[in-house]
PDB file of all heavy atoms in Angstrom:
ATOM      1  N   ALA A   1      -5.173  -8.691 -12.923  1.00  0.00           N
ATOM      2  CA  ALA A   1      -3.839  -8.707 -13.618  1.00  0.00           C
ATOM      3  C   ALA A   1      -2.879  -9.692 -13.016  1.00  0.00           C
ATOM      4  O   ALA A   1      -2.736  -9.759 -11.800  1.00  0.00           O
ATOM      5  CB  ALA A   1      -3.182  -7.365 -13.748  1.00  0.00           C
ATOM      6  N   GLY A   2      -2.375 -10.563 -13.776  1.00  0.00           N
ATOM      7  CA  GLY A   2      -1.410 -11.555 -13.200  1.00  0.00           C
ATOM      8  C   GLY A   2      -0.891 -12.483 -14.246  1.00  0.00           C
ATOM      9  O   GLY A   2      -1.239 -12.200 -15.506  1.00  0.00           O
ATOM     10  N   GLY A   3      -0.135 -13.512 -13.955  1.00  0.00           N
ATOM     11  CA  GLY A   3       0.293 -14.460 -15.013  1.00  0.00           C
ATOM     12  C   GLY A   3       1.444 -15.275 -14.448  1.00  0.00           C
ATOM     13  O   GLY A   3       1.949 -15.126 -13.353  1.00  0.00           O
ATOM     14  N   ALA A   4       1.863 -16.325 -15.319  1.00  0.00           N
ATOM     15  CA  ALA A   4       2.852 -17.153 -14.937  1.00  0.00           C
ATOM     16  C   ALA A   4       3.946 -17.258 -16.100  1.00  0.00           C
ATOM     17  O   ALA A   4       3.526 -17.002 -17.274  1.00  0.00           O
ATOM     18  CB  ALA A   4       2.330 -18.629 -14.786  1.00  0.00           C
ATOM     19  N   LYS A   5       5.141 -17.536 -15.707  1.00  0.00           N
ATOM     20  CA  LYS A   5       6.241 -17.721 -16.730  1.00  0.00           C
ATOM     21  C   LYS A   5       7.056 -18.930 -16.393  1.00  0.00           C
ATOM     22  O   LYS A   5       7.667 -18.873 -15.215  1.00  0.00           O
ATOM     23  CB  LYS A   5       7.122 -16.468 -16.923  1.00  0.00           C
ATOM     24  CG  LYS A   5       6.433 -15.350 -17.629  1.00  0.00           C
ATOM     25  CD  LYS A   5       7.499 -14.231 -17.963  1.00  0.00           C
ATOM     26  CE  LYS A   5       6.892 -13.115 -18.771  1.00  0.00           C
ATOM     27  NZ  LYS A   5       7.882 -12.049 -19.091  1.00  0.00           N
ATOM     28  N   GLY A   6       7.080 -19.808 -17.216  1.00  0.00           N
ATOM     29  CA  GLY A   6       8.026 -21.114 -16.978  1.00  0.00           C
ATOM     30  C   GLY A   6       7.501 -22.172 -16.092  1.00  0.00           C
ATOM     31  O   GLY A   6       6.558 -21.888 -15.253  1.00  0.00           O
ATOM     32  N   ILE A   7       8.093 -23.284 -16.332  1.00  0.00           N
ATOM     33  CA  ILE A   7       7.711 -24.448 -15.399  1.00  0.00           C
ATOM     34  C   ILE A   7       8.957 -25.155 -14.887  1.00  0.00           C
ATOM     35  O   ILE A   7       8.986 -26.273 -14.496  1.00  0.00           O
ATOM     36  CB  ILE A   7       6.817 -25.508 -16.187  1.00  0.00           C
ATOM     37  CG1 ILE A   7       7.620 -26.042 -17.430  1.00  0.00           C
ATOM     38  CG2 ILE A   7       5.493 -24.937 -16.514  1.00  0.00           C
ATOM     39  CD1 ILE A   7       6.961 -27.271 -18.058  1.00  0.00           C
ATOM     40  N   GLU A   8      10.084 -24.348 -14.953  1.00  0.00           N
ATOM     41  CA  GLU A   8      11.397 -24.851 -14.532  1.00  0.00           C
ATOM     42  C   GLU A   8      11.442 -25.115 -13.027  1.00  0.00           C
ATOM     43  O   GLU A   8      10.632 -24.572 -12.313  1.00  0.00           O
ATOM     44  CB  GLU A   8      12.599 -23.960 -14.940  1.00  0.00           C
ATOM     45  CG  GLU A   8      12.646 -23.899 -16.473  1.00  0.00           C
ATOM     46  CD  GLU A   8      11.705 -22.966 -17.116  1.00  0.00           C
ATOM     47  OE1 GLU A   8      11.086 -22.202 -16.344  1.00  0.00           O
ATOM     48  OE2 GLU A   8      11.498 -23.071 -18.382  1.00  0.00           O
ATOM     49  N   SER A   9      12.412 -25.821 -12.559  1.00  0.00           N
ATOM     50  CA  SER A   9      12.531 -26.041 -11.110  1.00  0.00           C
ATOM     51  C   SER A   9      13.115 -24.883 -10.411  1.00  0.00           C
ATOM     52  O   SER A   9      13.448 -23.916 -11.010  1.00  0.00           O
ATOM     53  CB  SER A   9      13.669 -27.274 -10.887  1.00  0.00           C
ATOM     54  OG  SER A   9      14.943 -26.781 -11.270  1.00  0.00           O
ATOM     55  N   VAL A  10      12.924 -24.899  -9.073  1.00  0.00           N
ATOM     56  CA  VAL A  10      13.451 -23.749  -8.290  1.00  0.00           C
ATOM     57  C   VAL A  10      14.939 -23.587  -8.588  1.00  0.00           C
ATOM     58  O   VAL A  10      15.549 -22.470  -8.788  1.00  0.00           O
ATOM     59  CB  VAL A  10      13.239 -24.034  -6.823  1.00  0.00           C
ATOM     60  CG1 VAL A  10      13.927 -22.987  -5.995  1.00  0.00           C
ATOM     61  CG2 VAL A  10      11.846 -24.084  -6.494  1.00  0.00           C
ATOM     62  N   GLU A  11      15.684 -24.646  -8.723  1.00  0.00           N
ATOM     63  CA  GLU A  11      17.210 -24.534  -8.957  1.00  0.00           C
ATOM     64  C   GLU A  11      17.418 -23.870 -10.327  1.00  0.00           C
ATOM     65  O   GLU A  11      18.424 -23.089 -10.455  1.00  0.00           O
ATOM     66  CB  GLU A  11      17.742 -25.898  -8.981  1.00  0.00           C
ATOM     67  CG  GLU A  11      19.233 -25.963  -9.278  1.00  0.00           C
ATOM     68  CD  GLU A  11      19.826 -27.364  -9.314  1.00  0.00           C
ATOM     69  OE1 GLU A  11      19.076 -28.397  -9.269  1.00  0.00           O
ATOM     70  OE2 GLU A  11      21.044 -27.519  -9.382  1.00  0.00           O
ATOM     71  N   THR A  12      16.734 -24.259 -11.463  1.00  0.00           N
ATOM     72  CA  THR A  12      17.030 -23.850 -12.779  1.00  0.00           C
ATOM     73  C   THR A  12      16.214 -22.673 -13.336  1.00  0.00           C
ATOM     74  O   THR A  12      16.696 -22.140 -14.331  1.00  0.00           O
ATOM     75  CB  THR A  12      17.073 -25.037 -13.726  1.00  0.00           C
ATOM     76  OG1 THR A  12      15.535 -25.402 -13.797  1.00  0.00           O
ATOM     77  CG2 THR A  12      17.802 -26.139 -13.225  1.00  0.00           C
ATOM     78  N   ALA A  13      15.211 -22.234 -12.602  1.00  0.00           N
ATOM     79  CA  ALA A  13      14.341 -21.247 -13.169  1.00  0.00           C
ATOM     80  C   ALA A  13      15.000 -19.846 -13.296  1.00  0.00           C
ATOM     81  O   ALA A  13      15.938 -19.579 -12.531  1.00  0.00           O
ATOM     82  CB  ALA A  13      13.030 -21.170 -12.308  1.00  0.00           C
ATOM     83  N   SER A  14      14.511 -19.106 -14.236  1.00  0.00           N
ATOM     84  CA  SER A  14      15.015 -17.719 -14.431  1.00  0.00           C
ATOM     85  C   SER A  14      14.706 -16.768 -13.270  1.00  0.00           C
ATOM     86  O   SER A  14      13.472 -16.653 -13.036  1.00  0.00           O
ATOM     87  CB  SER A  14      14.536 -17.223 -15.772  1.00  0.00           C
ATOM     88  OG  SER A  14      14.677 -15.836 -15.861  1.00  0.00           O
ATOM     89  N   VAL A  15      15.533 -16.205 -12.795  1.00  0.00           N
ATOM     90  CA  VAL A  15      15.335 -15.111 -11.649  1.00  0.00           C
ATOM     91  C   VAL A  15      14.427 -14.032 -12.286  1.00  0.00           C
ATOM     92  O   VAL A  15      13.553 -13.501 -11.559  1.00  0.00           O
ATOM     93  CB  VAL A  15      16.567 -14.579 -10.998  1.00  0.00           C
ATOM     94  CG1 VAL A  15      16.300 -13.388 -10.264  1.00  0.00           C
ATOM     95  CG2 VAL A  15      17.332 -15.691 -10.329  1.00  0.00           C
ATOM     96  N   GLU A  16      14.622 -13.709 -13.520  1.00  0.00           N
ATOM     97  CA  GLU A  16      13.899 -12.653 -14.172  1.00  0.00           C
ATOM     98  C   GLU A  16      12.414 -13.030 -14.290  1.00  0.00           C
ATOM     99  O   GLU A  16      11.511 -12.199 -14.068  1.00  0.00           O
ATOM    100  CB  GLU A  16      14.438 -12.318 -15.562  1.00  0.00           C
ATOM    101  CG  GLU A  16      15.788 -11.594 -15.568  1.00  0.00           C
ATOM    102  CD  GLU A  16      16.958 -12.476 -15.191  1.00  0.00           C
ATOM    103  OE1 GLU A  16      16.835 -13.717 -15.305  1.00  0.00           O
ATOM    104  OE2 GLU A  16      18.054 -11.976 -14.837  1.00  0.00           O
ATOM    105  N   ASP A  17      12.187 -14.339 -14.613  1.00  0.00           N
ATOM    106  CA  ASP A  17      10.789 -14.773 -14.590  1.00  0.00           C
ATOM    107  C   ASP A  17      10.100 -14.653 -13.301  1.00  0.00           C
ATOM    108  O   ASP A  17       8.949 -14.216 -13.115  1.00  0.00           O
ATOM    109  CB  ASP A  17      10.703 -16.218 -15.150  1.00  0.00           C
ATOM    110  CG  ASP A  17      10.880 -16.326 -16.590  1.00  0.00           C
ATOM    111  OD1 ASP A  17      10.994 -15.328 -17.315  1.00  0.00           O
ATOM    112  OD2 ASP A  17      11.028 -17.463 -17.107  1.00  0.00           O
ATOM    113  N   TRP A  18      10.869 -15.061 -12.245  1.00  0.00           N
ATOM    114  CA  TRP A  18      10.351 -14.938 -10.884  1.00  0.00           C
ATOM    115  C   TRP A  18      10.097 -13.434 -10.470  1.00  0.00           C
ATOM    116  O   TRP A  18       9.006 -13.277  -9.931  1.00  0.00           O
ATOM    117  CB  TRP A  18      11.266 -15.587  -9.907  1.00  0.00           C
ATOM    118  CG  TRP A  18      11.180 -16.970  -9.764  1.00  0.00           C
ATOM    119  CD1 TRP A  18      11.305 -17.994 -10.731  1.00  0.00           C
ATOM    120  CD2 TRP A  18      11.098 -17.834  -8.521  1.00  0.00           C
ATOM    121  NE1 TRP A  18      11.246 -19.336 -10.270  1.00  0.00           N
ATOM    122  CE2 TRP A  18      11.102 -19.167  -8.860  1.00  0.00           C
ATOM    123  CE3 TRP A  18      10.984 -17.497  -7.188  1.00  0.00           C
ATOM    124  CZ2 TRP A  18      11.094 -20.200  -7.919  1.00  0.00           C
ATOM    125  CZ3 TRP A  18      10.860 -18.507  -6.254  1.00  0.00           C
ATOM    126  CH2 TRP A  18      10.942 -19.875  -6.603  1.00  0.00           C
ATOM    127  N   ALA A  19      10.946 -12.587 -10.786  1.00  0.00           N
ATOM    128  CA  ALA A  19      10.743 -11.280 -10.514  1.00  0.00           C
ATOM    129  C   ALA A  19       9.512 -10.613 -11.209  1.00  0.00           C
ATOM    130  O   ALA A  19       8.754  -9.897 -10.546  1.00  0.00           O
ATOM    131  CB  ALA A  19      12.003 -10.378 -10.974  1.00  0.00           C
ATOM    132  N   TRP A  20       9.288 -11.104 -12.466  1.00  0.00           N
ATOM    133  CA  TRP A  20       8.094 -10.631 -13.201  1.00  0.00           C
ATOM    134  C   TRP A  20       6.948 -11.121 -12.579  1.00  0.00           C
ATOM    135  O   TRP A  20       5.914 -10.323 -12.366  1.00  0.00           O
ATOM    136  CB  TRP A  20       8.167 -11.048 -14.713  1.00  0.00           C
ATOM    137  CG  TRP A  20       6.986 -10.688 -15.462  1.00  0.00           C
ATOM    138  CD1 TRP A  20       6.799  -9.458 -16.067  1.00  0.00           C
ATOM    139  CD2 TRP A  20       5.784 -11.475 -15.694  1.00  0.00           C
ATOM    140  NE1 TRP A  20       5.534  -9.543 -16.726  1.00  0.00           N
ATOM    141  CE2 TRP A  20       4.962 -10.739 -16.475  1.00  0.00           C
ATOM    142  CE3 TRP A  20       5.364 -12.754 -15.340  1.00  0.00           C
ATOM    143  CZ2 TRP A  20       3.689 -11.098 -16.903  1.00  0.00           C
ATOM    144  CZ3 TRP A  20       4.109 -13.239 -15.579  1.00  0.00           C
ATOM    145  CH2 TRP A  20       3.251 -12.422 -16.406  1.00  0.00           C
ATOM    146  N   MET A  21       6.873 -12.380 -12.145  1.00  0.00           N
ATOM    147  CA  MET A  21       5.692 -12.940 -11.520  1.00  0.00           C
ATOM    148  C   MET A  21       5.404 -12.295 -10.159  1.00  0.00           C
ATOM    149  O   MET A  21       4.189 -11.976  -9.886  1.00  0.00           O
ATOM    150  CB  MET A  21       5.816 -14.497 -11.398  1.00  0.00           C
ATOM    151  CG  MET A  21       5.752 -15.247 -12.670  1.00  0.00           C
ATOM    152  SD  MET A  21       5.755 -17.049 -12.400  1.00  0.00           S
ATOM    153  CE  MET A  21       7.473 -17.435 -12.330  1.00  0.00           C
ATOM    154  N   PHE A  22       6.340 -11.968  -9.411  1.00  0.00           N
ATOM    155  CA  PHE A  22       6.128 -11.229  -8.216  1.00  0.00           C
ATOM    156  C   PHE A  22       5.660  -9.794  -8.463  1.00  0.00           C
ATOM    157  O   PHE A  22       4.792  -9.364  -7.682  1.00  0.00           O
ATOM    158  CB  PHE A  22       7.357 -11.307  -7.280  1.00  0.00           C
ATOM    159  CG  PHE A  22       7.391 -12.462  -6.300  1.00  0.00           C
ATOM    160  CD1 PHE A  22       7.872 -13.669  -6.805  1.00  0.00           C
ATOM    161  CD2 PHE A  22       6.984 -12.279  -5.053  1.00  0.00           C
ATOM    162  CE1 PHE A  22       7.908 -14.742  -5.962  1.00  0.00           C
ATOM    163  CE2 PHE A  22       6.982 -13.394  -4.183  1.00  0.00           C
ATOM    164  CZ  PHE A  22       7.352 -14.633  -4.601  1.00  0.00           C
ATOM    165  N   GLU A  23       6.150  -9.166  -9.439  1.00  0.00           N
ATOM    166  CA  GLU A  23       5.787  -7.851  -9.676  1.00  0.00           C
ATOM    167  C   GLU A  23       4.291  -7.750 -10.119  1.00  0.00           C
ATOM    168  O   GLU A  23       3.541  -6.869  -9.606  1.00  0.00           O
ATOM    169  CB  GLU A  23       6.657  -7.280 -10.864  1.00  0.00           C
ATOM    170  CG  GLU A  23       7.965  -6.729 -10.371  1.00  0.00           C
ATOM    171  CD  GLU A  23       7.804  -5.426  -9.600  1.00  0.00           C
ATOM    172  OE1 GLU A  23       6.868  -4.720  -9.741  1.00  0.00           O
ATOM    173  OE2 GLU A  23       8.739  -5.218  -8.723  1.00  0.00           O
ATOM    174  N   VAL A  24       3.854  -8.669 -10.953  1.00  0.00           N
ATOM    175  CA  VAL A  24       2.538  -8.594 -11.476  1.00  0.00           C
ATOM    176  C   VAL A  24       1.483  -9.227 -10.548  1.00  0.00           C
ATOM    177  O   VAL A  24       0.449  -8.599 -10.327  1.00  0.00           O
ATOM    178  CB  VAL A  24       2.410  -9.117 -12.936  1.00  0.00           C
ATOM    179  CG1 VAL A  24       2.471 -10.595 -12.865  1.00  0.00           C
ATOM    180  CG2 VAL A  24       1.106  -8.718 -13.555  1.00  0.00           C
ATOM    181  N   ASN A  25       1.819 -10.256  -9.901  1.00  0.00           N
ATOM    182  CA  ASN A  25       0.929 -10.991  -9.059  1.00  0.00           C
ATOM    183  C   ASN A  25       0.824 -10.590  -7.618  1.00  0.00           C
ATOM    184  O   ASN A  25      -0.118 -10.744  -6.901  1.00  0.00           O
ATOM    185  CB  ASN A  25       1.241 -12.554  -9.056  1.00  0.00           C
ATOM    186  CG  ASN A  25       1.085 -13.192 -10.373  1.00  0.00           C
ATOM    187  OD1 ASN A  25      -0.080 -13.288 -10.796  1.00  0.00           O
ATOM    188  ND2 ASN A  25       2.049 -13.594 -11.014  1.00  0.00           N
ATOM    189  N   VAL A  26       1.895  -9.847  -7.152  1.00  0.00           N
ATOM    190  CA  VAL A  26       1.984  -9.525  -5.713  1.00  0.00           C
ATOM    191  C   VAL A  26       2.192  -8.053  -5.534  1.00  0.00           C
ATOM    192  O   VAL A  26       1.241  -7.315  -5.011  1.00  0.00           O
ATOM    193  CB  VAL A  26       3.140 -10.245  -4.961  1.00  0.00           C
ATOM    194  CG1 VAL A  26       2.994  -9.886  -3.508  1.00  0.00           C
ATOM    195  CG2 VAL A  26       3.048 -11.711  -5.127  1.00  0.00           C
ATOM    196  N   ILE A  27       3.222  -7.512  -6.057  1.00  0.00           N
ATOM    197  CA  ILE A  27       3.505  -5.974  -5.960  1.00  0.00           C
ATOM    198  C   ILE A  27       2.433  -5.151  -6.600  1.00  0.00           C
ATOM    199  O   ILE A  27       1.983  -4.175  -6.144  1.00  0.00           O
ATOM    200  CB  ILE A  27       4.908  -5.676  -6.435  1.00  0.00           C
ATOM    201  CG1 ILE A  27       5.959  -6.537  -5.777  1.00  0.00           C
ATOM    202  CG2 ILE A  27       5.099  -4.108  -6.154  1.00  0.00           C
ATOM    203  CD1 ILE A  27       5.921  -6.525  -4.270  1.00  0.00           C
ATOM    204  N   GLY A  28       2.024  -5.604  -7.779  1.00  0.00           N
ATOM    205  CA  GLY A  28       1.031  -4.873  -8.592  1.00  0.00           C
ATOM    206  C   GLY A  28      -0.352  -4.894  -7.824  1.00  0.00           C
ATOM    207  O   GLY A  28      -0.988  -3.893  -7.755  1.00  0.00           O
ATOM    208  N   VAL A  29      -0.804  -5.985  -7.220  1.00  0.00           N
ATOM    209  CA  VAL A  29      -1.918  -6.007  -6.401  1.00  0.00           C
ATOM    210  C   VAL A  29      -1.815  -5.079  -5.173  1.00  0.00           C
ATOM    211  O   VAL A  29      -2.732  -4.332  -4.795  1.00  0.00           O
ATOM    212  CB  VAL A  29      -2.129  -7.486  -5.886  1.00  0.00           C
ATOM    213  CG1 VAL A  29      -3.302  -7.557  -4.824  1.00  0.00           C
ATOM    214  CG2 VAL A  29      -2.473  -8.369  -7.096  1.00  0.00           C
ATOM    215  N   LYS A  30      -0.631  -5.119  -4.442  1.00  0.00           N
ATOM    216  CA  LYS A  30      -0.456  -4.202  -3.355  1.00  0.00           C
ATOM    217  C   LYS A  30      -0.565  -2.746  -3.867  1.00  0.00           C
ATOM    218  O   LYS A  30      -1.143  -1.942  -3.248  1.00  0.00           O
ATOM    219  CB  LYS A  30       0.912  -4.546  -2.748  1.00  0.00           C
ATOM    220  CG  LYS A  30       1.209  -3.611  -1.524  1.00  0.00           C
ATOM    221  CD  LYS A  30       2.053  -2.352  -1.867  1.00  0.00           C
ATOM    222  CE  LYS A  30       2.569  -1.497  -0.657  1.00  0.00           C
ATOM    223  NZ  LYS A  30       1.484  -0.769  -0.146  1.00  0.00           N
ATOM    224  N   ARG A  31       0.124  -2.411  -5.016  1.00  0.00           N
ATOM    225  CA  ARG A  31       0.245  -1.068  -5.471  1.00  0.00           C
ATOM    226  C   ARG A  31      -1.265  -0.523  -5.842  1.00  0.00           C
ATOM    227  O   ARG A  31      -1.577   0.522  -5.362  1.00  0.00           O
ATOM    228  CB  ARG A  31       1.094  -1.035  -6.685  1.00  0.00           C
ATOM    229  CG  ARG A  31       1.392   0.370  -7.322  1.00  0.00           C
ATOM    230  CD  ARG A  31       2.345   0.238  -8.487  1.00  0.00           C
ATOM    231  NE  ARG A  31       3.653   0.071  -8.064  1.00  0.00           N
ATOM    232  CZ  ARG A  31       4.380  -0.949  -8.397  1.00  0.00           C
ATOM    233  NH1 ARG A  31       3.968  -1.968  -9.117  1.00  0.00           N
ATOM    234  NH2 ARG A  31       5.680  -1.075  -7.989  1.00  0.00           N
ATOM    235  N   VAL A  32      -1.991  -1.337  -6.519  1.00  0.00           N
ATOM    236  CA  VAL A  32      -3.235  -0.803  -6.901  1.00  0.00           C
ATOM    237  C   VAL A  32      -4.234  -0.764  -5.688  1.00  0.00           C
ATOM    238  O   VAL A  32      -4.980   0.166  -5.572  1.00  0.00           O
ATOM    239  CB  VAL A  32      -3.863  -1.807  -8.011  1.00  0.00           C
ATOM    240  CG1 VAL A  32      -5.380  -1.380  -8.346  1.00  0.00           C
ATOM    241  CG2 VAL A  32      -3.105  -1.707  -9.253  1.00  0.00           C
ATOM    242  N   THR A  33      -4.168  -1.771  -4.828  1.00  0.00           N
ATOM    243  CA  THR A  33      -5.004  -1.795  -3.595  1.00  0.00           C
ATOM    244  C   THR A  33      -4.657  -0.540  -2.724  1.00  0.00           C
ATOM    245  O   THR A  33      -5.630   0.119  -2.254  1.00  0.00           O
ATOM    246  CB  THR A  33      -4.772  -2.971  -2.873  1.00  0.00           C
ATOM    247  OG1 THR A  33      -5.174  -4.068  -3.621  1.00  0.00           O
ATOM    248  CG2 THR A  33      -5.660  -3.158  -1.614  1.00  0.00           C
ATOM    249  N   SER A  34      -3.405  -0.239  -2.540  1.00  0.00           N
ATOM    250  CA  SER A  34      -3.018   0.884  -1.667  1.00  0.00           C
ATOM    251  C   SER A  34      -3.499   2.194  -2.265  1.00  0.00           C
ATOM    252  O   SER A  34      -4.003   3.036  -1.528  1.00  0.00           O
ATOM    253  CB  SER A  34      -1.489   0.908  -1.561  1.00  0.00           C
ATOM    254  OG  SER A  34      -1.054  -0.138  -0.816  1.00  0.00           O
ATOM    255  N   ALA A  35      -3.376   2.288  -3.618  1.00  0.00           N
ATOM    256  CA  ALA A  35      -3.805   3.496  -4.320  1.00  0.00           C
ATOM    257  C   ALA A  35      -5.269   3.802  -4.185  1.00  0.00           C
ATOM    258  O   ALA A  35      -5.718   4.910  -4.074  1.00  0.00           O
ATOM    259  CB  ALA A  35      -3.334   3.482  -5.736  1.00  0.00           C
ATOM    260  N   LEU A  36      -6.066   2.662  -4.334  1.00  0.00           N
ATOM    261  CA  LEU A  36      -7.500   2.832  -4.429  1.00  0.00           C
ATOM    262  C   LEU A  36      -8.316   2.707  -3.176  1.00  0.00           C
ATOM    263  O   LEU A  36      -9.463   3.023  -3.086  1.00  0.00           O
ATOM    264  CB  LEU A  36      -8.040   1.820  -5.433  1.00  0.00           C
ATOM    265  CG  LEU A  36      -8.186   2.249  -6.980  1.00  0.00           C
ATOM    266  CD1 LEU A  36      -6.793   2.793  -7.447  1.00  0.00           C
ATOM    267  CD2 LEU A  36      -8.644   1.287  -7.862  1.00  0.00           C
ATOM    268  N   LEU A  37      -7.645   2.254  -2.046  1.00  0.00           N
ATOM    269  CA  LEU A  37      -8.406   1.985  -0.832  1.00  0.00           C
ATOM    270  C   LEU A  37      -9.109   3.407  -0.362  1.00  0.00           C
ATOM    271  O   LEU A  37     -10.185   3.250   0.148  1.00  0.00           O
ATOM    272  CB  LEU A  37      -7.401   1.533   0.291  1.00  0.00           C
ATOM    273  CG  LEU A  37      -7.686   0.118   0.708  1.00  0.00           C
ATOM    274  CD1 LEU A  37      -6.660  -0.302   1.729  1.00  0.00           C
ATOM    275  CD2 LEU A  37      -9.036   0.013   1.370  1.00  0.00           C
ATOM    276  N   PRO A  38      -8.468   4.555  -0.380  1.00  0.00           N
ATOM    277  CA  PRO A  38      -9.202   5.712   0.111  1.00  0.00           C
ATOM    278  C   PRO A  38     -10.520   5.937  -0.809  1.00  0.00           C
ATOM    279  O   PRO A  38     -11.405   6.394  -0.272  1.00  0.00           O
ATOM    280  CB  PRO A  38      -8.072   6.756  -0.161  1.00  0.00           C
ATOM    281  CG  PRO A  38      -6.804   6.180  -0.012  1.00  0.00           C
ATOM    282  CD  PRO A  38      -6.962   4.780  -0.661  1.00  0.00           C
ATOM    283  N   LEU A  39     -10.352   5.655  -2.095  1.00  0.00           N
ATOM    284  CA  LEU A  39     -11.544   5.848  -2.919  1.00  0.00           C
ATOM    285  C   LEU A  39     -12.635   4.878  -2.620  1.00  0.00           C
ATOM    286  O   LEU A  39     -13.807   5.042  -2.683  1.00  0.00           O
ATOM    287  CB  LEU A  39     -11.189   5.703  -4.391  1.00  0.00           C
ATOM    288  CG  LEU A  39     -10.079   6.687  -4.859  1.00  0.00           C
ATOM    289  CD1 LEU A  39      -9.711   6.556  -6.359  1.00  0.00           C
ATOM    290  CD2 LEU A  39     -10.475   8.212  -4.601  1.00  0.00           C
ATOM    291  N   LEU A  40     -12.183   3.529  -2.314  1.00  0.00           N
ATOM    292  CA  LEU A  40     -13.135   2.500  -1.849  1.00  0.00           C
ATOM    293  C   LEU A  40     -13.827   2.864  -0.596  1.00  0.00           C
ATOM    294  O   LEU A  40     -15.049   2.590  -0.283  1.00  0.00           O
ATOM    295  CB  LEU A  40     -12.371   1.133  -1.730  1.00  0.00           C
ATOM    296  CG  LEU A  40     -11.989   0.516  -3.078  1.00  0.00           C
ATOM    297  CD1 LEU A  40     -10.887  -0.545  -2.862  1.00  0.00           C
ATOM    298  CD2 LEU A  40     -13.199  -0.103  -3.856  1.00  0.00           C
ATOM    299  N   ARG A  41     -13.017   3.455   0.276  1.00  0.00           N
ATOM    300  CA  ARG A  41     -13.667   3.958   1.550  1.00  0.00           C
ATOM    301  C   ARG A  41     -14.753   5.009   1.296  1.00  0.00           C
ATOM    302  O   ARG A  41     -15.828   4.990   2.033  1.00  0.00           O
ATOM    303  CB  ARG A  41     -12.624   4.508   2.520  1.00  0.00           C
ATOM    304  CG  ARG A  41     -11.676   3.394   3.104  1.00  0.00           C
ATOM    305  CD  ARG A  41     -10.767   4.012   4.166  1.00  0.00           C
ATOM    306  NE  ARG A  41     -10.023   3.005   4.926  1.00  0.00           N
ATOM    307  CZ  ARG A  41      -8.768   2.652   4.791  1.00  0.00           C
ATOM    308  NH1 ARG A  41      -8.044   3.318   3.919  1.00  0.00           N
ATOM    309  NH2 ARG A  41      -8.233   1.654   5.496  1.00  0.00           N
ATOM    310  N   LEU A  42     -14.507   5.956   0.331  1.00  0.00           N
ATOM    311  CA  LEU A  42     -15.579   6.845   0.017  1.00  0.00           C
ATOM    312  C   LEU A  42     -16.741   6.167  -0.602  1.00  0.00           C
ATOM    313  O   LEU A  42     -17.884   6.555  -0.256  1.00  0.00           O
ATOM    314  CB  LEU A  42     -14.899   7.875  -1.059  1.00  0.00           C
ATOM    315  CG  LEU A  42     -13.899   8.881  -0.468  1.00  0.00           C
ATOM    316  CD1 LEU A  42     -13.345   9.680  -1.607  1.00  0.00           C
ATOM    317  CD2 LEU A  42     -14.554   9.739   0.600  1.00  0.00           C
ATOM    318  N   GLY A  43     -16.465   5.194  -1.447  1.00  0.00           N
ATOM    319  CA  GLY A  43     -17.550   4.456  -2.100  1.00  0.00           C
ATOM    320  C   GLY A  43     -18.359   3.707  -1.070  1.00  0.00           C
ATOM    321  O   GLY A  43     -19.635   3.658  -1.126  1.00  0.00           O
ATOM    322  N   ALA A  44     -17.661   3.126   0.004  1.00  0.00           N
ATOM    323  CA  ALA A  44     -18.330   2.423   1.020  1.00  0.00           C
ATOM    324  C   ALA A  44     -19.221   3.330   1.935  1.00  0.00           C
ATOM    325  O   ALA A  44     -20.281   3.018   2.277  1.00  0.00           O
ATOM    326  CB  ALA A  44     -17.305   1.707   1.984  1.00  0.00           C
ATOM    327  N   THR A  45     -18.721   4.510   2.174  1.00  0.00           N
ATOM    328  CA  THR A  45     -19.452   5.561   2.990  1.00  0.00           C
ATOM    329  C   THR A  45     -20.744   5.908   2.183  1.00  0.00           C
ATOM    330  O   THR A  45     -21.758   6.094   2.711  1.00  0.00           O
ATOM    331  CB  THR A  45     -18.618   6.794   3.139  1.00  0.00           C
ATOM    332  OG1 THR A  45     -17.470   6.433   3.852  1.00  0.00           O
ATOM    333  CG2 THR A  45     -19.317   7.931   3.885  1.00  0.00           C
ATOM    334  N   GLU A  46     -20.700   6.040   0.907  1.00  0.00           N
ATOM    335  CA  GLU A  46     -21.752   6.456  -0.024  1.00  0.00           C
ATOM    336  C   GLU A  46     -22.829   5.395  -0.154  1.00  0.00           C
ATOM    337  O   GLU A  46     -23.999   5.619   0.007  1.00  0.00           O
ATOM    338  CB  GLU A  46     -21.169   6.836  -1.347  1.00  0.00           C
ATOM    339  CG  GLU A  46     -22.388   7.045  -2.361  1.00  0.00           C
ATOM    340  CD  GLU A  46     -21.838   6.913  -3.790  1.00  0.00           C
ATOM    341  OE1 GLU A  46     -21.695   5.829  -4.290  1.00  0.00           O
ATOM    342  OE2 GLU A  46     -21.612   7.944  -4.436  1.00  0.00           O
TER     343      GLU A  46
END
């Protein structure tokens, strides 16, 4: 899951677009990975 919004410069880009990109591309990855790591450890043991 991920994506991009906009091609504006750092100066003019929408903060909301940046926040969305960080939420889905970074925080979302961290959130899912943290939640599933214990289950992946069980899978690795198996």
